[in-house]
């Protein structure tokens, strides 16, 4: 069985975005403001995500770009842009525990309204912006705490609101997203 991107996806090659990210990360301005890069597998912000950010003591801010290939999404390729925030709660030896709030946008998806007919223009003006509350742990590979693997689990805002609205009827653990990533400081 051979997989091929739909014709409309060939107009948006992923190489263009990755090249742009590399140019931004290598610029002098970026190195003045950024102090780490990270990559992540899964976690509701893309099957594969890459990004950069800056730490301010225990608080960290970052921006990530993620993709879900068409073969996995069972439709067209999905792309996300995520504003990532984490706060380190507790440090212990080579382990660290953190909580976070990720705000992400799915580019061009329009919540697949094409399956149900064309909605009125600007019917979903902010509907493609989502949030994920997360909790995670990091393991540092070196004593200088420069390189680390991390694991996160989170619940998006839709399921949190559904859980509160239908308390006792919905089990939030059935809707958790999980991701694993690598972070390195420069």
Protein backbone atom coordinates (compact mmCIF):
# COMPACT_ATOMS: atom_id res chain seq x y z
CA UNK A 1 0.00 0.00 0.00
CA UNK A 2 1.47 3.33 -1.03
CA UNK A 3 0.71 6.61 0.71
CA UNK A 4 0.72 9.89 -1.20
CA UNK A 5 -0.12 13.36 -0.01
CA UNK A 6 -3.25 14.87 -1.53
CA UNK A 7 -2.59 17.24 -4.41
CA UNK A 8 -3.38 20.32 -2.31
CA UNK A 9 -0.71 19.40 0.23
CA UNK A 10 2.12 19.46 -2.29
CA UNK A 11 1.84 23.25 -2.37
CA UNK A 12 3.04 23.49 1.25
CA UNK A 13 6.31 21.55 1.48
CA UNK A 14 7.44 20.97 5.04
CA UNK A 15 11.03 21.73 4.03
CA UNK A 16 10.11 25.40 3.61
CA UNK A 17 8.98 25.63 7.24
CA UNK A 18 11.94 23.71 8.63
CA UNK A 19 14.37 25.85 6.65
CA UNK A 20 12.69 29.00 8.00
CA UNK A 21 13.00 27.68 11.56
CA UNK A 22 16.69 26.94 11.05
CA UNK A 23 17.32 30.47 9.77
CA UNK A 24 15.51 31.99 12.72
CA UNK A 25 17.31 29.82 15.30
CA UNK A 26 20.73 30.59 13.80
CA UNK A 27 20.29 34.35 13.66
CA UNK A 28 22.13 36.60 16.13
CA UNK A 29 18.86 38.00 17.48
CA UNK A 30 17.58 34.51 18.24
CA UNK A 31 20.68 33.53 20.21
CA UNK A 32 20.28 36.69 22.30
CA UNK A 33 16.71 35.75 23.26
CA UNK A 34 16.63 31.94 23.08
CA UNK A 35 18.49 29.55 25.34
CA UNK A 36 17.12 26.12 24.43
CA UNK A 37 15.66 24.00 21.65
CA UNK A 38 13.35 21.05 22.05
CA UNK A 39 11.63 18.37 20.04
CA UNK A 40 8.60 16.34 20.99
CA UNK A 41 6.82 13.19 19.82
CA UNK A 42 3.00 13.21 20.21
CA UNK A 43 1.26 15.18 22.95
CA UNK A 44 -1.61 16.68 20.90
CA UNK A 45 0.55 19.42 19.34
CA UNK A 46 1.69 17.26 16.43
CA UNK A 47 3.11 13.82 15.86
CA UNK A 48 6.53 15.48 15.63
CA UNK A 49 7.14 19.01 16.97
CA UNK A 50 10.25 21.20 17.09
CA UNK A 51 10.77 24.54 18.76
CA UNK A 52 12.86 26.90 20.83
CA UNK A 53 12.41 29.01 23.90
CA UNK A 54 13.88 30.76 26.90
CA UNK A 55 13.97 29.97 30.59
CA UNK A 56 13.47 32.58 33.29
CA UNK A 57 14.46 30.75 36.46
CA UNK A 58 11.75 28.13 37.01
CA UNK A 59 9.50 29.53 34.26
CA UNK A 60 10.00 28.66 30.58
CA UNK A 61 8.43 30.10 27.42
CA UNK A 62 8.71 28.63 23.96
CA UNK A 63 7.24 28.33 20.50
CA UNK A 64 6.85 25.01 18.68
CA UNK A 65 5.83 23.91 15.20
CA UNK A 66 4.29 20.45 14.78
CA UNK A 67 3.03 18.23 11.99
CA UNK A 68 0.77 15.21 11.71
CA UNK A 69 1.32 13.46 8.36
CA UNK A 70 -1.73 12.70 6.21
CA UNK A 71 -1.14 8.96 6.71
CA UNK A 72 -1.67 9.36 10.46
CA UNK A 73 -4.47 11.96 10.39
CA UNK A 74 -6.43 9.85 7.86
CA UNK A 75 -7.12 13.02 5.92
CA UNK A 76 -4.82 15.85 5.04
CA UNK A 77 -1.55 16.79 6.71
CA UNK A 78 -2.09 18.88 9.83
CA UNK A 79 0.25 21.59 11.08
CA UNK A 80 0.21 23.27 14.48
CA UNK A 81 1.84 26.28 16.07
CA UNK A 82 2.12 26.12 19.86
CA UNK A 83 2.94 28.70 22.51
CA UNK A 84 4.45 26.60 25.30
CA UNK A 85 4.69 27.64 28.95
CA UNK A 86 6.03 25.50 31.79
CA UNK A 87 6.81 26.05 35.45
CA UNK A 88 9.19 23.76 37.36
CA UNK A 89 7.47 22.72 40.56
CA UNK A 90 10.10 20.53 42.16
CA UNK A 91 13.72 19.51 41.51
CA UNK A 92 15.28 16.35 42.86
CA UNK A 93 18.76 15.23 41.83
CA UNK A 94 18.52 14.63 38.07
CA UNK A 95 14.71 14.76 38.04
CA UNK A 96 12.42 17.74 37.70
CA UNK A 97 8.63 17.95 37.78
CA UNK A 98 6.71 20.66 35.95
CA UNK A 99 3.26 21.83 35.01
CA UNK A 100 2.36 23.81 31.96
CA UNK A 101 -0.15 25.43 29.71
CA UNK A 102 0.19 25.03 25.95
CA UNK A 103 -1.88 27.21 23.66
CA UNK A 104 -1.96 25.90 20.10
CA UNK A 105 -3.53 26.63 16.75
CA UNK A 106 -4.21 24.07 14.02
CA UNK A 107 -3.34 25.79 10.75
CA UNK A 108 -6.09 25.71 8.11
CA UNK A 109 -8.14 22.91 9.61
CA UNK A 110 -11.35 24.87 10.27
CA UNK A 111 -12.45 21.89 12.36
CA UNK A 112 -13.16 19.82 9.26
CA UNK A 113 -16.41 21.66 8.59
CA UNK A 114 -16.19 20.53 4.95
CA UNK A 115 -17.57 17.19 6.13
CA UNK A 116 -20.78 18.87 7.27
CA UNK A 117 -21.26 21.63 4.72
CA UNK A 118 -19.87 25.12 4.37
CA UNK A 119 -20.26 27.28 7.53
CA UNK A 120 -20.99 31.01 7.30
CA UNK A 121 -17.89 33.15 6.76
CA UNK A 122 -15.94 33.73 10.00
CA UNK A 123 -18.26 31.39 11.90
CA UNK A 124 -15.25 29.91 13.74
CA UNK A 125 -13.12 33.01 14.37
CA UNK A 126 -11.26 31.62 17.40
CA UNK A 127 -12.43 28.01 17.40
CA UNK A 128 -9.12 26.68 16.13
CA UNK A 129 -7.22 27.95 19.19
CA UNK A 130 -7.00 25.31 21.93
CA UNK A 131 -5.26 25.00 25.28
CA UNK A 132 -3.74 22.01 27.07
CA UNK A 133 -3.08 21.90 30.81
CA UNK A 134 -0.18 19.51 31.38
CA UNK A 135 1.95 17.88 34.03
CA UNK A 136 5.33 16.32 33.33
CA UNK A 137 8.70 15.11 34.50
CA UNK A 138 12.21 15.63 33.13
CA UNK A 139 15.33 13.51 33.48
CA UNK A 140 18.64 15.37 33.05
CA UNK A 141 21.37 13.46 31.24
CA UNK A 142 24.22 15.48 32.74
CA UNK A 143 24.95 17.19 36.06
CA UNK A 144 25.04 20.58 34.33
CA UNK A 145 21.33 20.02 33.51
CA UNK A 146 21.78 21.01 29.86
CA UNK A 147 20.25 17.97 28.11
CA UNK A 148 17.07 16.29 29.26
CA UNK A 149 14.34 13.91 28.23
CA UNK A 150 10.84 14.82 29.33
CA UNK A 151 7.45 13.18 29.52
CA UNK A 152 4.16 15.09 29.67
CA UNK A 153 0.53 14.22 29.99
CA UNK A 154 -2.24 16.74 29.52
CA UNK A 155 -5.90 17.41 28.97
CA UNK A 156 -7.22 19.96 26.48
CA UNK A 157 -9.70 22.69 27.34
CA UNK A 158 -12.64 21.02 25.59
CA UNK A 159 -12.39 17.87 27.74
CA UNK A 160 -11.81 19.90 30.92
CA UNK A 161 -15.03 21.89 30.28
CA UNK A 162 -16.94 18.70 29.36
CA UNK A 163 -15.74 17.07 32.57
CA UNK A 164 -16.95 19.99 34.72
CA UNK A 165 -20.25 20.25 32.81
CA UNK A 166 -20.92 16.51 33.01
CA UNK A 167 -19.26 15.69 36.32
CA UNK A 168 -19.41 11.98 37.02
CA UNK A 169 -20.36 11.07 33.45
CA UNK A 170 -17.01 11.64 31.75
CA UNK A 171 -13.75 10.05 32.86
CA UNK A 172 -11.03 12.62 32.06
CA UNK A 173 -8.26 9.99 32.13
CA UNK A 174 -9.72 8.51 28.93
CA UNK A 175 -8.90 11.73 27.07
CA UNK A 176 -5.34 12.44 28.26
CA UNK A 177 -2.70 13.15 25.66
CA UNK A 178 0.87 12.01 26.26
CA UNK A 179 4.11 13.18 24.73
CA UNK A 180 7.82 12.54 25.10
CA UNK A 181 10.52 15.00 24.18
CA UNK A 182 14.15 16.07 24.29
CA UNK A 183 15.40 19.51 25.36
CA UNK A 184 18.90 20.93 25.12
CA UNK A 185 20.26 24.27 26.31
CA UNK A 186 22.90 26.24 24.40
